[in-house]
Amino acid sequence: MNDTPDKTIEKLNNEIEDFFFDPSCRFSGKLCWQTAAEMLNYNRSSIPSCIFMVLIDCVKHFSSTDEENTLERLCAVNTDLTFDHVYFFDGQICMIDHEKTAVGEPEAGVARLIHDFIIQQKLEKSMLPELFLAMNEIDGLRVRNLISFVAFGFFHDIIEKNVIYCTNDTENLKILQELMRL
């Protein structure tokens, strides 16, 4: 508390410089999975081999299934939209902050909210096919891309919990494995 802001930032950088888990690429599926591969390799020593192998399979799976996007599909997306960031006002849904708004794929704007929904509702992996089947009803939404973005959220959570908290996140790992099957 007595340090200057610069000194505090320097201390934090020294503490976490050995790890990499930045999710700022969430606006592009292709970048998500390129970054995921880098995160995984960089943090390899902090991840148990049984989890590491599943995460490697996940990166391979979603890197190969990511659909190519055209400029016509790009739009403004908020890549950090969770239920904590929305409220109702005068009959409309409003967002509290726009700090993570970027130009990206439409699925990127919905994925974080679905990720948050799965966690808050404690959905069983058996419910995921039904959830994503319902997403097929949304015109213009590519469900395959949406699954990929949601999977990246769980991938990131697993990396973060293993690296920062030294805990094995088996529940999220099960969800990630189910997302690969969809």
C-alpha atoms as a PDB file:
ATOM      1  CA  MET A   1       0.000   0.000   0.000  1.00  0.00           C
ATOM      2  CA  ASN A   2       2.949   2.337   0.549  1.00  0.00           C
ATOM      3  CA  ASP A   3       4.422   1.753  -2.933  1.00  0.00           C
ATOM      4  CA  THR A   4       3.956   4.088  -5.843  1.00  0.00           C
ATOM      5  CA  PRO A   5       1.721   2.815  -8.680  1.00  0.00           C
ATOM      6  CA  ASP A   6       4.807   2.193 -10.829  1.00  0.00           C
ATOM      7  CA  LYS A   7       6.457   0.138  -8.084  1.00  0.00           C
ATOM      8  CA  THR A   8       3.246  -1.876  -7.543  1.00  0.00           C
ATOM      9  CA  ILE A   9       2.973  -2.651 -11.259  1.00  0.00           C
ATOM     10  CA  GLU A  10       6.630  -3.661 -11.337  1.00  0.00           C
ATOM     11  CA  LYS A  11       6.095  -6.047  -8.389  1.00  0.00           C
ATOM     12  CA  LEU A  12       3.031  -7.580 -10.018  1.00  0.00           C
ATOM     13  CA  ASN A  13       4.874  -8.013 -13.310  1.00  0.00           C
ATOM     14  CA  ASN A  14       7.727  -9.768 -11.523  1.00  0.00           C
ATOM     15  CA  GLU A  15       5.303 -12.105  -9.772  1.00  0.00           C
ATOM     16  CA  ILE A  16       3.377 -13.185 -12.869  1.00  0.00           C
ATOM     17  CA  GLU A  17       5.974 -12.854 -15.612  1.00  0.00           C
ATOM     18  CA  ASP A  18       6.401 -16.617 -15.655  1.00  0.00           C
ATOM     19  CA  PHE A  19       2.796 -17.163 -16.721  1.00  0.00           C
ATOM     20  CA  PHE A  20       0.648 -16.216 -19.714  1.00  0.00           C
ATOM     21  CA  PHE A  21      -3.150 -16.306 -19.640  1.00  0.00           C
ATOM     22  CA  ASP A  22      -4.377 -13.178 -21.428  1.00  0.00           C
ATOM     23  CA  PRO A  23      -7.828 -13.703 -22.980  1.00  0.00           C
ATOM     24  CA  SER A  24      -7.936 -10.389 -24.879  1.00  0.00           C
ATOM     25  CA  CYS A  25      -8.232 -12.190 -28.219  1.00  0.00           C
ATOM     26  CA  ARG A  26     -11.873 -13.180 -27.613  1.00  0.00           C
ATOM     27  CA  PHE A  27     -13.160 -11.188 -30.592  1.00  0.00           C
ATOM     28  CA  SER A  28     -11.735 -13.672 -33.152  1.00  0.00           C
ATOM     29  CA  GLY A  29     -12.065 -17.452 -33.056  1.00  0.00           C
ATOM     30  CA  LYS A  30      -8.890 -17.925 -35.037  1.00  0.00           C
ATOM     31  CA  LEU A  31      -6.899 -15.709 -32.667  1.00  0.00           C
ATOM     32  CA  CYS A  32      -8.466 -17.407 -29.635  1.00  0.00           C
ATOM     33  CA  TRP A  33      -7.084 -20.797 -30.587  1.00  0.00           C
ATOM     34  CA  GLN A  34      -3.712 -19.446 -31.729  1.00  0.00           C
ATOM     35  CA  THR A  35      -3.422 -17.727 -28.361  1.00  0.00           C
ATOM     36  CA  ALA A  36      -4.662 -20.874 -26.594  1.00  0.00           C
ATOM     37  CA  ALA A  37      -1.773 -22.864 -28.052  1.00  0.00           C
ATOM     38  CA  GLU A  38       0.675 -20.229 -26.827  1.00  0.00           C
ATOM     39  CA  MET A  39      -0.941 -20.119 -23.362  1.00  0.00           C
ATOM     40  CA  LEU A  40      -0.738 -23.884 -23.098  1.00  0.00           C
ATOM     41  CA  ASN A  41       2.909 -24.109 -24.131  1.00  0.00           C
ATOM     42  CA  TYR A  42       3.928 -21.184 -21.960  1.00  0.00           C
ATOM     43  CA  ASN A  43       2.215 -22.604 -18.855  1.00  0.00           C
ATOM     44  CA  ARG A  44       3.023 -26.262 -19.494  1.00  0.00           C
ATOM     45  CA  SER A  45       4.971 -26.751 -16.270  1.00  0.00           C
ATOM     46  CA  SER A  46       1.972 -25.625 -14.173  1.00  0.00           C
ATOM     47  CA  ILE A  47      -0.550 -28.002 -15.737  1.00  0.00           C
ATOM     48  CA  PRO A  48      -0.784 -31.711 -14.858  1.00  0.00           C
ATOM     49  CA  SER A  49      -0.061 -33.926 -17.867  1.00  0.00           C
ATOM     50  CA  CYS A  50      -3.532 -35.537 -17.911  1.00  0.00           C
ATOM     51  CA  ILE A  51      -5.170 -32.094 -18.169  1.00  0.00           C
ATOM     52  CA  PHE A  52      -2.497 -30.848 -20.567  1.00  0.00           C
ATOM     53  CA  MET A  53      -3.304 -33.677 -23.023  1.00  0.00           C
ATOM     54  CA  VAL A  54      -7.018 -32.822 -23.015  1.00  0.00           C
ATOM     55  CA  LEU A  55      -6.210 -29.146 -23.570  1.00  0.00           C
ATOM     56  CA  ILE A  56      -3.881 -30.023 -26.476  1.00  0.00           C
ATOM     57  CA  ASP A  57      -6.718 -32.025 -28.051  1.00  0.00           C
ATOM     58  CA  CYS A  58      -9.036 -29.082 -27.514  1.00  0.00           C
ATOM     59  CA  VAL A  59      -6.687 -26.644 -29.265  1.00  0.00           C
ATOM     60  CA  LYS A  60      -6.302 -29.030 -32.211  1.00  0.00           C
ATOM     61  CA  HIS A  61     -10.038 -29.655 -32.415  1.00  0.00           C
ATOM     62  CA  PHE A  62     -11.193 -26.042 -32.362  1.00  0.00           C
ATOM     63  CA  SER A  63      -8.315 -24.754 -34.487  1.00  0.00           C
ATOM     64  CA  SER A  64      -9.407 -27.105 -37.256  1.00  0.00           C
ATOM     65  CA  THR A  65     -13.157 -26.423 -36.975  1.00  0.00           C
ATOM     66  CA  ASP A  66     -13.063 -22.627 -36.843  1.00  0.00           C
ATOM     67  CA  GLU A  67     -15.038 -21.157 -39.742  1.00  0.00           C
ATOM     68  CA  GLU A  68     -13.480 -18.447 -41.856  1.00  0.00           C
ATOM     69  CA  ASN A  69     -15.219 -15.091 -41.540  1.00  0.00           C
ATOM     70  CA  THR A  70     -15.751 -12.344 -44.055  1.00  0.00           C
ATOM     71  CA  LEU A  71     -15.795  -8.625 -43.417  1.00  0.00           C
ATOM     72  CA  GLU A  72     -19.588  -8.624 -43.855  1.00  0.00           C
ATOM     73  CA  ARG A  73     -19.958 -10.653 -40.646  1.00  0.00           C
ATOM     74  CA  LEU A  74     -17.910  -8.331 -38.452  1.00  0.00           C
ATOM     75  CA  CYS A  75     -19.788  -6.185 -35.956  1.00  0.00           C
ATOM     76  CA  ALA A  76     -19.351  -4.479 -32.585  1.00  0.00           C
ATOM     77  CA  VAL A  77     -19.053  -7.113 -29.855  1.00  0.00           C
ATOM     78  CA  ASN A  78     -18.485  -6.953 -26.127  1.00  0.00           C
ATOM     79  CA  THR A  79     -16.178  -9.818 -25.209  1.00  0.00           C
ATOM     80  CA  ASP A  80     -16.774  -9.557 -21.466  1.00  0.00           C
ATOM     81  CA  LEU A  81     -20.567  -9.591 -21.367  1.00  0.00           C
ATOM     82  CA  THR A  82     -21.729 -11.488 -18.283  1.00  0.00           C
ATOM     83  CA  PHE A  83     -24.928 -11.278 -16.269  1.00  0.00           C
ATOM     84  CA  ASP A  84     -23.138  -8.889 -13.897  1.00  0.00           C
ATOM     85  CA  HIS A  85     -22.741  -6.436 -16.788  1.00  0.00           C
ATOM     86  CA  VAL A  86     -26.381  -6.156 -17.831  1.00  0.00           C
ATOM     87  CA  TYR A  87     -29.457  -4.571 -16.274  1.00  0.00           C
ATOM     88  CA  PHE A  88     -33.002  -3.728 -17.293  1.00  0.00           C
ATOM     89  CA  PHE A  89     -34.001  -0.079 -17.648  1.00  0.00           C
ATOM     90  CA  ASP A  90     -37.240   1.228 -19.052  1.00  0.00           C
ATOM     91  CA  GLY A  91     -38.024  -2.109 -20.710  1.00  0.00           C
ATOM     92  CA  GLN A  92     -34.612  -2.442 -22.372  1.00  0.00           C
ATOM     93  CA  ILE A  93     -31.560  -4.536 -21.661  1.00  0.00           C
ATOM     94  CA  CYS A  94     -28.568  -2.246 -21.055  1.00  0.00           C
ATOM     95  CA  MET A  95     -24.864  -2.930 -20.547  1.00  0.00           C
ATOM     96  CA  ILE A  96     -23.010  -1.463 -17.597  1.00  0.00           C
ATOM     97  CA  ASP A  97     -19.633  -1.062 -19.299  1.00  0.00           C
ATOM     98  CA  HIS A  98     -18.286  -1.131 -22.809  1.00  0.00           C
ATOM     99  CA  GLU A  99     -14.568  -1.340 -22.043  1.00  0.00           C
ATOM    100  CA  LYS A 100     -14.130  -4.669 -23.842  1.00  0.00           C
ATOM    101  CA  THR A 101     -16.035  -3.674 -26.977  1.00  0.00           C
ATOM    102  CA  ALA A 102     -14.258  -4.505 -30.221  1.00  0.00           C
ATOM    103  CA  VAL A 103     -14.959  -5.315 -33.823  1.00  0.00           C
ATOM    104  CA  GLY A 104     -15.379  -9.056 -34.090  1.00  0.00           C
ATOM    105  CA  GLU A 105     -17.488 -12.043 -34.961  1.00  0.00           C
ATOM    106  CA  PRO A 106     -21.136 -11.991 -33.798  1.00  0.00           C
ATOM    107  CA  GLU A 107     -20.649 -15.221 -31.839  1.00  0.00           C
ATOM    108  CA  ALA A 108     -17.952 -13.549 -29.744  1.00  0.00           C
ATOM    109  CA  GLY A 109     -20.523 -11.130 -28.361  1.00  0.00           C
ATOM    110  CA  VAL A 110     -22.779 -13.939 -27.134  1.00  0.00           C
ATOM    111  CA  ALA A 111     -20.206 -16.535 -26.028  1.00  0.00           C
ATOM    112  CA  ARG A 112     -19.167 -14.979 -22.734  1.00  0.00           C
ATOM    113  CA  LEU A 113     -22.820 -14.615 -21.709  1.00  0.00           C
ATOM    114  CA  ILE A 114     -23.479 -18.288 -22.503  1.00  0.00           C
ATOM    115  CA  HIS A 115     -20.284 -19.265 -20.659  1.00  0.00           C
ATOM    116  CA  ASP A 116     -21.531 -17.305 -17.637  1.00  0.00           C
ATOM    117  CA  PHE A 117     -24.986 -18.918 -17.955  1.00  0.00           C
ATOM    118  CA  ILE A 118     -23.504 -22.435 -17.968  1.00  0.00           C
ATOM    119  CA  ILE A 119     -21.480 -21.644 -14.834  1.00  0.00           C
ATOM    120  CA  GLN A 120     -24.247 -19.827 -12.937  1.00  0.00           C
ATOM    121  CA  GLN A 121     -26.876 -22.449 -13.725  1.00  0.00           C
ATOM    122  CA  LYS A 122     -24.386 -25.242 -12.980  1.00  0.00           C
ATOM    123  CA  LEU A 123     -25.541 -26.947 -16.162  1.00  0.00           C
ATOM    124  CA  GLU A 124     -24.666 -30.582 -16.474  1.00  0.00           C
ATOM    125  CA  LYS A 125     -22.683 -31.508 -19.567  1.00  0.00           C
ATOM    126  CA  SER A 126     -25.695 -33.519 -20.756  1.00  0.00           C
ATOM    127  CA  MET A 127     -27.661 -30.243 -21.100  1.00  0.00           C
ATOM    128  CA  LEU A 128     -25.188 -28.644 -23.503  1.00  0.00           C
ATOM    129  CA  PRO A 129     -26.531 -30.208 -26.729  1.00  0.00           C
ATOM    130  CA  GLU A 130     -30.011 -28.857 -25.944  1.00  0.00           C
ATOM    131  CA  LEU A 131     -28.636 -25.406 -25.143  1.00  0.00           C
ATOM    132  CA  PHE A 132     -26.748 -25.141 -28.425  1.00  0.00           C
ATOM    133  CA  LEU A 133     -29.650 -26.639 -30.379  1.00  0.00           C
ATOM    134  CA  ALA A 134     -31.707 -23.682 -29.149  1.00  0.00           C
ATOM    135  CA  MET A 135     -28.974 -21.346 -30.440  1.00  0.00           C
ATOM    136  CA  ASN A 136     -29.662 -22.639 -33.969  1.00  0.00           C
ATOM    137  CA  GLU A 137     -32.863 -20.591 -33.864  1.00  0.00           C
ATOM    138  CA  ILE A 138     -30.937 -17.298 -33.836  1.00  0.00           C
ATOM    139  CA  ASP A 139     -30.700 -16.077 -37.418  1.00  0.00           C
ATOM    140  CA  GLY A 140     -27.165 -15.463 -38.656  1.00  0.00           C
ATOM    141  CA  LEU A 141     -25.465 -17.089 -35.689  1.00  0.00           C
ATOM    142  CA  ARG A 142     -22.967 -19.818 -36.547  1.00  0.00           C
ATOM    143  CA  VAL A 143     -23.406 -22.323 -33.755  1.00  0.00           C
ATOM    144  CA  ARG A 144     -20.111 -24.063 -34.558  1.00  0.00           C
ATOM    145  CA  ASN A 145     -18.271 -20.758 -34.020  1.00  0.00           C
ATOM    146  CA  LEU A 146     -20.295 -20.068 -30.886  1.00  0.00           C
ATOM    147  CA  ILE A 147     -19.315 -23.436 -29.402  1.00  0.00           C
ATOM    148  CA  SER A 148     -15.687 -22.635 -30.207  1.00  0.00           C
ATOM    149  CA  PHE A 149     -15.845 -19.264 -28.423  1.00  0.00           C
ATOM    150  CA  VAL A 150     -17.598 -20.782 -25.388  1.00  0.00           C
ATOM    151  CA  ALA A 151     -15.006 -23.576 -25.310  1.00  0.00           C
ATOM    152  CA  PHE A 152     -12.229 -20.977 -25.302  1.00  0.00           C
ATOM    153  CA  GLY A 153     -13.800 -19.443 -22.175  1.00  0.00           C
ATOM    154  CA  PHE A 154     -13.668 -22.789 -20.369  1.00  0.00           C
ATOM    155  CA  PHE A 155     -10.168 -23.473 -21.729  1.00  0.00           C
ATOM    156  CA  HIS A 156      -9.030 -20.135 -20.306  1.00  0.00           C
ATOM    157  CA  ASP A 157     -10.684 -20.845 -16.938  1.00  0.00           C
ATOM    158  CA  ILE A 158      -8.882 -24.191 -16.685  1.00  0.00           C
ATOM    159  CA  ILE A 159      -5.497 -22.635 -17.482  1.00  0.00           C
ATOM    160  CA  GLU A 160      -6.075 -19.816 -15.008  1.00  0.00           C
ATOM    161  CA  LYS A 161      -7.162 -22.103 -12.161  1.00  0.00           C
ATOM    162  CA  ASN A 162      -4.202 -24.422 -12.701  1.00  0.00           C
ATOM    163  CA  VAL A 163      -1.639 -21.639 -12.991  1.00  0.00           C
ATOM    164  CA  ILE A 164      -2.873 -19.079 -10.464  1.00  0.00           C
ATOM    165  CA  TYR A 165      -4.702 -21.216  -7.919  1.00  0.00           C
ATOM    166  CA  CYS A 166      -2.911 -24.538  -8.444  1.00  0.00           C
ATOM    167  CA  THR A 167      -6.239 -26.374  -8.570  1.00  0.00           C
ATOM    168  CA  ASN A 168      -7.426 -28.961 -11.066  1.00  0.00           C
ATOM    169  CA  ASP A 169     -10.702 -27.765 -12.549  1.00  0.00           C
ATOM    170  CA  THR A 170     -12.347 -31.108 -13.334  1.00  0.00           C
ATOM    171  CA  GLU A 171     -15.887 -29.722 -13.727  1.00  0.00           C
ATOM    172  CA  ASN A 172     -14.866 -27.242 -16.412  1.00  0.00           C
ATOM    173  CA  LEU A 173     -12.707 -29.920 -18.016  1.00  0.00           C
ATOM    174  CA  LYS A 174     -15.788 -32.160 -18.369  1.00  0.00           C
ATOM    175  CA  ILE A 175     -17.735 -29.308 -19.955  1.00  0.00           C
ATOM    176  CA  LEU A 176     -14.852 -28.582 -22.330  1.00  0.00           C
ATOM    177  CA  GLN A 177     -14.714 -32.245 -23.372  1.00  0.00           C
ATOM    178  CA  GLU A 178     -18.467 -32.211 -24.052  1.00  0.00           C
ATOM    179  CA  LEU A 179     -18.116 -29.042 -26.137  1.00  0.00           C
ATOM    180  CA  MET A 180     -15.554 -30.860 -28.284  1.00  0.00           C
ATOM    181  CA  ARG A 181     -18.137 -33.591 -28.925  1.00  0.00           C
ATOM    182  CA  LEU A 182     -20.842 -31.185 -30.110  1.00  0.00           C
END
